[in-house]
Amino acid sequence: MLAFVRSGCTADGGIVGYPLDRLHEEVAYLSYHFHWPLEDVLAMEHADRRQWVEQVAAINVRLNEEAERPRVSW
């Protein structure tokens, strides 16, 4: 299916473009948490990379919530 692009061109489906700043953010996030090399993160499929980002973010949220809970000491 052809998609109309803002410039007036058409594209044959798929992702026309992914914001470069978002890509940099995802790469930095995964590299920071896993110490994965830049080449490995960039070689990932977009959907796989997004899934990893979502999973790490969920873990971070859970850990932060646990850290904020008051500790009970007897």
C-alpha atoms as a PDB file:
ATOM      1  CA  MET A   1       0.000   0.000   0.000  1.00  0.00           C
ATOM      2  CA  LEU A   2       1.374   3.422  -0.868  1.00  0.00           C
ATOM      3  CA  ALA A   3       1.525   6.091   1.817  1.00  0.00           C
ATOM      4  CA  PHE A   4       1.556   9.809   1.149  1.00  0.00           C
ATOM      5  CA  VAL A   5       4.568  11.477   2.757  1.00  0.00           C
ATOM      6  CA  ARG A   6       4.604  15.132   3.833  1.00  0.00           C
ATOM      7  CA  SER A   7       7.037  16.049   1.064  1.00  0.00           C
ATOM      8  CA  GLY A   8       4.500  14.882  -1.499  1.00  0.00           C
ATOM      9  CA  CYS A   9       6.358  11.655  -2.292  1.00  0.00           C
ATOM     10  CA  THR A  10       4.970   8.216  -1.767  1.00  0.00           C
ATOM     11  CA  ALA A  11       6.494   5.329   0.154  1.00  0.00           C
ATOM     12  CA  ASP A  12       5.851   1.612  -0.158  1.00  0.00           C
ATOM     13  CA  GLY A  13       4.752   1.048   3.455  1.00  0.00           C
ATOM     14  CA  GLY A  14       7.012   0.410   6.430  1.00  0.00           C
ATOM     15  CA  ILE A  15       8.605   3.036   8.601  1.00  0.00           C
ATOM     16  CA  VAL A  16       9.328   6.140   6.559  1.00  0.00           C
ATOM     17  CA  GLY A  17      11.713   7.434   9.169  1.00  0.00           C
ATOM     18  CA  TYR A  18      12.438   7.128  12.845  1.00  0.00           C
ATOM     19  CA  PRO A  19      13.394  10.248  14.778  1.00  0.00           C
ATOM     20  CA  LEU A  20      17.151  10.258  15.222  1.00  0.00           C
ATOM     21  CA  ASP A  21      16.935  11.680  18.739  1.00  0.00           C
ATOM     22  CA  ARG A  22      14.636   8.793  19.748  1.00  0.00           C
ATOM     23  CA  LEU A  23      17.063   6.256  18.266  1.00  0.00           C
ATOM     24  CA  HIS A  24      19.938   7.845  20.201  1.00  0.00           C
ATOM     25  CA  GLU A  25      17.863   7.718  23.389  1.00  0.00           C
ATOM     26  CA  GLU A  26      17.078   4.021  22.953  1.00  0.00           C
ATOM     27  CA  VAL A  27      20.687   3.146  22.147  1.00  0.00           C
ATOM     28  CA  ALA A  28      21.992   5.100  25.145  1.00  0.00           C
ATOM     29  CA  TYR A  29      19.398   3.527  27.439  1.00  0.00           C
ATOM     30  CA  LEU A  30      20.222  -0.056  26.485  1.00  0.00           C
ATOM     31  CA  SER A  31      23.962   0.548  26.337  1.00  0.00           C
ATOM     32  CA  TYR A  32      23.869   2.110  29.795  1.00  0.00           C
ATOM     33  CA  HIS A  33      21.900  -0.696  31.410  1.00  0.00           C
ATOM     34  CA  PHE A  34      23.490  -3.666  29.642  1.00  0.00           C
ATOM     35  CA  HIS A  35      26.863  -2.288  28.543  1.00  0.00           C
ATOM     36  CA  TRP A  36      26.073  -3.493  25.037  1.00  0.00           C
ATOM     37  CA  PRO A  37      28.258  -2.088  22.244  1.00  0.00           C
ATOM     38  CA  LEU A  38      26.760   0.549  19.953  1.00  0.00           C
ATOM     39  CA  GLU A  39      26.994  -1.752  16.936  1.00  0.00           C
ATOM     40  CA  ASP A  40      24.978  -4.480  18.667  1.00  0.00           C
ATOM     41  CA  VAL A  41      22.162  -2.155  19.698  1.00  0.00           C
ATOM     42  CA  LEU A  42      21.997  -0.508  16.264  1.00  0.00           C
ATOM     43  CA  ALA A  43      21.918  -3.924  14.582  1.00  0.00           C
ATOM     44  CA  MET A  44      18.728  -4.861  16.434  1.00  0.00           C
ATOM     45  CA  GLU A  45      15.408  -4.773  14.645  1.00  0.00           C
ATOM     46  CA  HIS A  46      13.339  -1.739  15.632  1.00  0.00           C
ATOM     47  CA  ALA A  47      10.617  -3.808  17.312  1.00  0.00           C
ATOM     48  CA  ASP A  48      13.165  -5.857  19.277  1.00  0.00           C
ATOM     49  CA  ARG A  49      14.982  -2.748  20.476  1.00  0.00           C
ATOM     50  CA  ARG A  50      11.693  -1.132  21.567  1.00  0.00           C
ATOM     51  CA  GLN A  51      10.735  -4.318  23.437  1.00  0.00           C
ATOM     52  CA  TRP A  52      14.054  -4.290  25.328  1.00  0.00           C
ATOM     53  CA  VAL A  53      13.587  -0.608  26.205  1.00  0.00           C
ATOM     54  CA  GLU A  54      10.068  -1.273  27.504  1.00  0.00           C
ATOM     55  CA  GLN A  55      11.221  -4.221  29.602  1.00  0.00           C
ATOM     56  CA  VAL A  56      14.137  -2.323  31.179  1.00  0.00           C
ATOM     57  CA  ALA A  57      11.851   0.643  31.877  1.00  0.00           C
ATOM     58  CA  ALA A  58       9.329  -1.638  33.615  1.00  0.00           C
ATOM     59  CA  ILE A  59      12.081  -3.112  35.786  1.00  0.00           C
ATOM     60  CA  ASN A  60      13.319   0.375  36.680  1.00  0.00           C
ATOM     61  CA  VAL A  61       9.821   1.499  37.656  1.00  0.00           C
ATOM     62  CA  ARG A  62       9.362  -1.562  39.872  1.00  0.00           C
ATOM     63  CA  LEU A  63      12.761  -1.111  41.553  1.00  0.00           C
ATOM     64  CA  ASN A  64      12.113   2.591  42.160  1.00  0.00           C
ATOM     65  CA  GLU A  65       8.712   1.853  43.690  1.00  0.00           C
ATOM     66  CA  GLU A  66      10.250  -0.766  45.971  1.00  0.00           C
ATOM     67  CA  ALA A  67      12.993   1.650  47.037  1.00  0.00           C
ATOM     68  CA  GLU A  68      10.407   4.299  47.964  1.00  0.00           C
ATOM     69  CA  ARG A  69       8.404   1.977  50.244  1.00  0.00           C
ATOM     70  CA  PRO A  70       9.082   2.505  53.912  1.00  0.00           C
ATOM     71  CA  ARG A  71      11.054  -0.320  55.441  1.00  0.00           C
ATOM     72  CA  VAL A  72       9.620  -1.948  58.491  1.00  0.00           C
ATOM     73  CA  SER A  73      12.143  -2.810  61.177  1.00  0.00           C
ATOM     74  CA  TRP A  74      11.210  -4.715  64.305  1.00  0.00           C
END
